[in-house]
Amino acid sequence: MSVEDCRTVDFVSLGSEPNTALLVVSDHLDWNDSLGHQITLQEKLNAYLAFIESGELYRDFPKAAGKRVEIRVAFQFAPDASAEDFLQKAGETIRQAGFQFSYKVGISLPPPDQMN
């Protein structure tokens, strides 16, 4: 499970944050090829949006129904300036679709008992 595999959702947590279905992208890539990394991340974020908008999230995780949905990217390496601009635009697009978006540096996952 990683940012490079856009066919899977890396992590879904329904208990780590109140009333939130949290979908986490695990991004271990460095920013040496910032544009390539951004394209990879964009494909992954698009796949997450499709997963939510198609209803697959609610079919696979019925307890997500009625919860706020947030996509969070957990980066191992801090984004460069170009990536920061990309993340701002991606966040706007995701929010316009009706979902929340966040990111943080330092990959940390919810405790196993809170992951579904």
Protein backbone atom coordinates (compact mmCIF):
# COMPACT_ATOMS: atom_id res chain seq x y z
CA MET A 1 0.00 0.00 0.00
CA SER A 2 1.49 3.25 -1.09
CA VAL A 3 0.97 6.36 -3.13
CA GLU A 4 2.29 4.48 -6.16
CA ASP A 5 -0.62 2.01 -6.19
CA CYS A 6 -3.67 3.99 -7.28
CA ARG A 7 -5.84 0.87 -7.35
CA THR A 8 -6.03 0.65 -3.56
CA VAL A 9 -6.99 2.85 -0.64
CA ASP A 10 -4.09 2.63 1.78
CA PHE A 11 -5.96 3.05 5.09
CA VAL A 12 -9.48 3.78 6.28
CA SER A 13 -10.06 4.67 9.91
CA LEU A 14 -13.50 5.15 11.39
CA GLY A 15 -12.54 5.61 15.01
CA SER A 16 -9.41 7.73 15.18
CA GLU A 17 -11.25 11.07 14.91
CA PRO A 18 -14.79 11.85 16.09
CA ASN A 19 -17.53 11.45 13.47
CA THR A 20 -14.94 11.16 10.68
CA ALA A 21 -14.20 8.57 8.04
CA LEU A 22 -10.49 9.17 7.55
CA LEU A 23 -8.89 7.89 4.35
CA VAL A 24 -5.10 8.03 4.50
CA VAL A 25 -2.64 8.08 1.61
CA SER A 26 0.75 6.74 2.63
CA ASP A 27 3.39 8.70 0.71
CA HIS A 28 6.98 7.55 1.15
CA LEU A 29 8.44 9.25 -1.93
CA ASP A 30 11.01 12.02 -1.77
CA TRP A 31 10.65 15.20 -3.84
CA ASN A 32 13.71 14.82 -6.11
CA ASP A 33 11.28 14.55 -9.06
CA SER A 34 8.65 16.94 -7.76
CA LEU A 35 6.52 17.00 -10.92
CA GLY A 36 6.53 13.21 -11.22
CA HIS A 37 5.65 12.89 -7.54
CA GLN A 38 2.80 15.37 -7.93
CA ILE A 39 1.40 13.41 -10.88
CA THR A 40 1.59 10.16 -8.88
CA LEU A 41 -0.14 11.82 -5.93
CA GLN A 42 -2.81 13.35 -8.17
CA GLU A 43 -3.65 9.91 -9.57
CA LYS A 44 -3.93 8.52 -6.05
CA LEU A 45 -6.15 11.40 -4.87
CA ASN A 46 -8.38 10.96 -7.93
CA ALA A 47 -8.71 7.27 -7.07
CA TYR A 48 -9.71 8.17 -3.51
CA LEU A 49 -12.34 10.59 -4.79
CA ALA A 50 -13.71 7.91 -7.12
CA PHE A 51 -13.80 5.45 -4.19
CA ILE A 52 -15.90 7.89 -2.17
CA GLU A 53 -18.12 9.28 -4.93
CA SER A 54 -18.93 5.85 -6.36
CA GLY A 55 -20.32 4.78 -2.98
CA GLU A 56 -17.66 2.10 -2.60
CA LEU A 57 -16.54 3.63 0.71
CA TYR A 58 -20.02 3.10 2.15
CA ARG A 59 -20.41 -0.38 0.69
CA ASP A 60 -17.04 -1.52 2.05
CA PHE A 61 -17.34 0.41 5.32
CA PRO A 62 -21.03 0.83 6.21
CA LYS A 63 -20.12 2.57 9.48
CA ALA A 64 -18.79 5.48 7.38
CA ALA A 65 -22.35 6.47 6.47
CA GLY A 66 -23.25 9.85 7.92
CA LYS A 67 -19.67 10.66 8.89
CA ARG A 68 -17.58 13.53 7.63
CA VAL A 69 -15.08 12.24 5.06
CA GLU A 70 -11.48 13.40 5.11
CA ILE A 71 -8.63 12.47 2.82
CA ARG A 72 -5.26 12.86 4.52
CA VAL A 73 -1.84 12.44 2.98
CA ALA A 74 0.87 11.26 5.36
CA PHE A 75 4.22 12.24 3.88
CA GLN A 76 7.55 10.78 4.88
CA PHE A 77 9.31 13.80 3.34
CA ALA A 78 8.26 17.43 3.53
CA PRO A 79 6.78 18.78 0.28
CA ASP A 80 8.80 21.35 -1.65
CA ALA A 81 7.36 24.75 -2.65
CA SER A 82 5.92 23.46 -5.92
CA ALA A 83 4.26 20.57 -4.10
CA GLU A 84 2.82 22.97 -1.51
CA ASP A 85 1.11 24.85 -4.36
CA PHE A 86 -0.19 21.56 -5.77
CA LEU A 87 -1.53 20.53 -2.35
CA GLN A 88 -3.38 23.83 -1.97
CA LYS A 89 -5.10 23.30 -5.33
CA ALA A 90 -5.82 19.64 -4.61
CA GLY A 91 -7.32 20.60 -1.27
CA GLU A 92 -9.59 23.17 -2.91
CA THR A 93 -10.80 20.59 -5.43
CA ILE A 94 -11.47 17.99 -2.74
CA ARG A 95 -13.33 20.51 -0.57
CA GLN A 96 -15.43 21.58 -3.57
CA ALA A 97 -16.41 17.92 -3.96
CA GLY A 98 -17.73 18.05 -0.38
CA PHE A 99 -14.91 16.36 1.51
CA GLN A 100 -12.10 17.49 3.79
CA PHE A 101 -8.41 17.38 2.95
CA SER A 102 -5.29 17.53 5.09
CA TYR A 103 -1.70 16.44 5.03
CA LYS A 104 1.13 16.05 7.44
CA VAL A 105 4.78 15.15 7.37
CA GLY A 106 5.85 12.09 9.30
CA ILE A 107 3.97 8.94 8.49
CA SER A 108 1.98 7.83 11.48
CA LEU A 109 -1.08 5.66 11.32
CA PRO A 110 -4.01 5.28 13.70
CA PRO A 111 -3.64 2.46 16.24
CA PRO A 112 -4.55 -0.94 14.76
CA ASP A 113 -7.67 -1.23 16.93
CA GLN A 114 -9.02 1.98 15.33
CA MET A 115 -8.42 0.91 11.72
CA ASN A 116 -11.24 -0.83 9.89
